[in-house]
Amino acid sequence: MLSQNPSIRSGVQAELGTRCGEVAPSPSVDDGTVLIPSGHLHNDQLDALVIELSQDAQVGITATMVEATPEKIPNAADQAHALLDMVQRSQAVAARTHRQLSGTLFTHTVTG
């Protein structure tokens, strides 16, 4: 989490300042959620931002985007976290499956 590593957090904030200017959001201290004003960055710019943040912080970042009006931000944040939880669970299952397959020797014999 961003809040647990001050150097990563400051790097993220610096990059957000570069990309978003005066409206630069600050990651939530609790969970790393970043609110970016709608329409400020296009989808390809958001993708580039995530890649740049990941490279700068030298950590993998999984991100999702949910658009919401100001009054719906709390529900949108919950929805975004639910999506990220699903992705993380799916990645964990894939990693376990990969480890299991890596330890299995497949042989095939042709007779005839």
C-alpha atoms as a PDB file:
ATOM      1  CA  MET A   1       0.000   0.000   0.000  1.00  0.00           C
ATOM      2  CA  LEU A   2       1.151   3.511  -0.707  1.00  0.00           C
ATOM      3  CA  SER A   3       0.621   4.634   2.875  1.00  0.00           C
ATOM      4  CA  GLN A   4       3.130   2.049   4.138  1.00  0.00           C
ATOM      5  CA  ASN A   5       6.044   3.322   2.061  1.00  0.00           C
ATOM      6  CA  PRO A   6       6.720   7.082   2.265  1.00  0.00           C
ATOM      7  CA  SER A   7       9.171   7.127  -0.663  1.00  0.00           C
ATOM      8  CA  ILE A   8       6.701   5.398  -2.989  1.00  0.00           C
ATOM      9  CA  ARG A   9       3.918   7.690  -1.774  1.00  0.00           C
ATOM     10  CA  SER A  10       5.981  10.842  -2.450  1.00  0.00           C
ATOM     11  CA  GLY A  11       6.965   9.544  -5.892  1.00  0.00           C
ATOM     12  CA  VAL A  12       3.336   8.847  -6.738  1.00  0.00           C
ATOM     13  CA  GLN A  13       2.334  12.315  -5.575  1.00  0.00           C
ATOM     14  CA  ALA A  14       5.090  13.904  -7.655  1.00  0.00           C
ATOM     15  CA  GLU A  15       4.013  12.025 -10.790  1.00  0.00           C
ATOM     16  CA  LEU A  16       0.359  12.931 -10.189  1.00  0.00           C
ATOM     17  CA  GLY A  17       1.432  16.566  -9.878  1.00  0.00           C
ATOM     18  CA  THR A  18       3.291  16.348 -13.186  1.00  0.00           C
ATOM     19  CA  ARG A  19       0.361  14.709 -14.997  1.00  0.00           C
ATOM     20  CA  CYS A  20      -2.565  16.520 -13.378  1.00  0.00           C
ATOM     21  CA  GLY A  21      -1.163  19.969 -12.577  1.00  0.00           C
ATOM     22  CA  GLU A  22      -3.150  22.078 -10.146  1.00  0.00           C
ATOM     23  CA  VAL A  23      -5.845  19.447  -9.653  1.00  0.00           C
ATOM     24  CA  ALA A  24      -3.298  16.814  -8.627  1.00  0.00           C
ATOM     25  CA  PRO A  25      -5.033  14.306  -6.396  1.00  0.00           C
ATOM     26  CA  SER A  26      -3.404  12.785  -3.364  1.00  0.00           C
ATOM     27  CA  PRO A  27      -3.643   9.041  -2.758  1.00  0.00           C
ATOM     28  CA  SER A  28      -5.817   8.094   0.183  1.00  0.00           C
ATOM     29  CA  VAL A  29      -3.765   7.449   3.298  1.00  0.00           C
ATOM     30  CA  ASP A  30      -5.901   4.387   4.075  1.00  0.00           C
ATOM     31  CA  ASP A  31      -5.912   2.451   0.828  1.00  0.00           C
ATOM     32  CA  GLY A  32      -4.085   4.240  -1.985  1.00  0.00           C
ATOM     33  CA  THR A  33      -7.286   5.296  -3.778  1.00  0.00           C
ATOM     34  CA  VAL A  34      -6.715   8.234  -6.112  1.00  0.00           C
ATOM     35  CA  LEU A  35      -9.571  10.483  -7.209  1.00  0.00           C
ATOM     36  CA  ILE A  36      -8.956  12.197 -10.552  1.00  0.00           C
ATOM     37  CA  PRO A  37     -11.494  14.754 -11.784  1.00  0.00           C
ATOM     38  CA  SER A  38     -13.569  13.366 -14.640  1.00  0.00           C
ATOM     39  CA  GLY A  39     -12.410  14.433 -18.073  1.00  0.00           C
ATOM     40  CA  HIS A  40      -9.012  15.595 -16.850  1.00  0.00           C
ATOM     41  CA  LEU A  41      -7.195  12.609 -18.337  1.00  0.00           C
ATOM     42  CA  HIS A  42      -8.289  10.440 -21.258  1.00  0.00           C
ATOM     43  CA  ASN A  43      -8.187   6.623 -21.013  1.00  0.00           C
ATOM     44  CA  ASP A  44      -4.839   6.355 -22.820  1.00  0.00           C
ATOM     45  CA  GLN A  45      -3.391   9.003 -20.496  1.00  0.00           C
ATOM     46  CA  LEU A  46      -4.651   7.065 -17.484  1.00  0.00           C
ATOM     47  CA  ASP A  47      -3.014   3.900 -18.842  1.00  0.00           C
ATOM     48  CA  ALA A  48       0.256   5.785 -19.318  1.00  0.00           C
ATOM     49  CA  LEU A  49      -0.038   7.210 -15.787  1.00  0.00           C
ATOM     50  CA  VAL A  50      -0.389   3.739 -14.247  1.00  0.00           C
ATOM     51  CA  ILE A  51       2.599   2.444 -16.249  1.00  0.00           C
ATOM     52  CA  GLU A  52       4.725   5.440 -15.247  1.00  0.00           C
ATOM     53  CA  LEU A  53       3.747   5.158 -11.576  1.00  0.00           C
ATOM     54  CA  SER A  54       4.577   1.451 -11.602  1.00  0.00           C
ATOM     55  CA  GLN A  55       7.971   2.061 -13.207  1.00  0.00           C
ATOM     56  CA  ASP A  56       8.825   4.967 -10.898  1.00  0.00           C
ATOM     57  CA  ALA A  57       7.796   3.079  -7.763  1.00  0.00           C
ATOM     58  CA  GLN A  58       9.379  -0.161  -9.058  1.00  0.00           C
ATOM     59  CA  VAL A  59       6.279  -2.083  -7.970  1.00  0.00           C
ATOM     60  CA  GLY A  60       3.428  -3.668  -9.842  1.00  0.00           C
ATOM     61  CA  ILE A  61       0.256  -1.595  -9.804  1.00  0.00           C
ATOM     62  CA  THR A  62      -3.154  -3.003 -10.546  1.00  0.00           C
ATOM     63  CA  ALA A  63      -5.657  -0.245 -11.265  1.00  0.00           C
ATOM     64  CA  THR A  64      -9.288   0.154 -12.122  1.00  0.00           C
ATOM     65  CA  MET A  65     -11.373   3.150 -13.031  1.00  0.00           C
ATOM     66  CA  VAL A  66     -14.931   3.922 -11.989  1.00  0.00           C
ATOM     67  CA  GLU A  67     -16.585   7.194 -12.984  1.00  0.00           C
ATOM     68  CA  ALA A  68     -18.971   8.817 -10.517  1.00  0.00           C
ATOM     69  CA  THR A  69     -20.628  12.091  -9.667  1.00  0.00           C
ATOM     70  CA  PRO A  70     -19.363  13.658  -6.414  1.00  0.00           C
ATOM     71  CA  GLU A  71     -22.247  12.325  -4.316  1.00  0.00           C
ATOM     72  CA  LYS A  72     -21.634   8.788  -5.572  1.00  0.00           C
ATOM     73  CA  ILE A  73     -17.872   8.697  -4.906  1.00  0.00           C
ATOM     74  CA  PRO A  74     -18.112   6.519  -1.750  1.00  0.00           C
ATOM     75  CA  ASN A  75     -20.080   3.838  -3.620  1.00  0.00           C
ATOM     76  CA  ALA A  76     -17.766   4.103  -6.639  1.00  0.00           C
ATOM     77  CA  ALA A  77     -14.726   3.637  -4.387  1.00  0.00           C
ATOM     78  CA  ASP A  78     -16.319   0.505  -2.916  1.00  0.00           C
ATOM     79  CA  GLN A  79     -17.021  -0.770  -6.441  1.00  0.00           C
ATOM     80  CA  ALA A  80     -13.443  -0.094  -7.547  1.00  0.00           C
ATOM     81  CA  HIS A  81     -12.073  -1.974  -4.533  1.00  0.00           C
ATOM     82  CA  ALA A  82     -14.415  -4.904  -5.225  1.00  0.00           C
ATOM     83  CA  LEU A  83     -13.113  -5.056  -8.813  1.00  0.00           C
ATOM     84  CA  LEU A  84      -9.514  -4.998  -7.604  1.00  0.00           C
ATOM     85  CA  ASP A  85     -10.254  -7.753  -5.081  1.00  0.00           C
ATOM     86  CA  MET A  86     -11.664  -9.919  -7.898  1.00  0.00           C
ATOM     87  CA  VAL A  87      -8.550  -9.336 -10.010  1.00  0.00           C
ATOM     88  CA  GLN A  88      -6.224 -10.148  -7.113  1.00  0.00           C
ATOM     89  CA  ARG A  89      -8.115 -13.363  -6.307  1.00  0.00           C
ATOM     90  CA  SER A  90      -8.008 -14.382  -9.962  1.00  0.00           C
ATOM     91  CA  GLN A  91      -4.256 -13.671 -10.105  1.00  0.00           C
ATOM     92  CA  ALA A  92      -3.717 -15.747  -6.962  1.00  0.00           C
ATOM     93  CA  VAL A  93      -5.619 -18.707  -8.464  1.00  0.00           C
ATOM     94  CA  ALA A  94      -3.641 -18.408 -11.697  1.00  0.00           C
ATOM     95  CA  ALA A  95      -0.355 -18.342  -9.756  1.00  0.00           C
ATOM     96  CA  ARG A  96      -1.316 -21.454  -7.741  1.00  0.00           C
ATOM     97  CA  THR A  97      -2.345 -23.270 -10.916  1.00  0.00           C
ATOM     98  CA  HIS A  98       0.929 -22.313 -12.595  1.00  0.00           C
ATOM     99  CA  ARG A  99       2.944 -23.596  -9.612  1.00  0.00           C
ATOM    100  CA  GLN A 100       1.014 -26.860  -9.626  1.00  0.00           C
ATOM    101  CA  LEU A 101       1.537 -27.354 -13.361  1.00  0.00           C
ATOM    102  CA  SER A 102       5.210 -26.428 -13.089  1.00  0.00           C
ATOM    103  CA  GLY A 103       5.769 -29.273 -10.668  1.00  0.00           C
ATOM    104  CA  THR A 104       4.056 -31.879 -12.858  1.00  0.00           C
ATOM    105  CA  LEU A 105       5.945 -33.846 -15.463  1.00  0.00           C
ATOM    106  CA  PHE A 106       3.892 -34.654 -18.543  1.00  0.00           C
ATOM    107  CA  THR A 107       5.065 -37.543 -20.668  1.00  0.00           C
ATOM    108  CA  HIS A 108       3.719 -38.920 -23.852  1.00  0.00           C
ATOM    109  CA  THR A 109       4.823 -42.187 -25.427  1.00  0.00           C
ATOM    110  CA  VAL A 110       4.006 -43.192 -28.973  1.00  0.00           C
ATOM    111  CA  THR A 111       3.819 -46.920 -29.593  1.00  0.00           C
ATOM    112  CA  GLY A 112       3.004 -48.656 -32.685  1.00  0.00           C
END
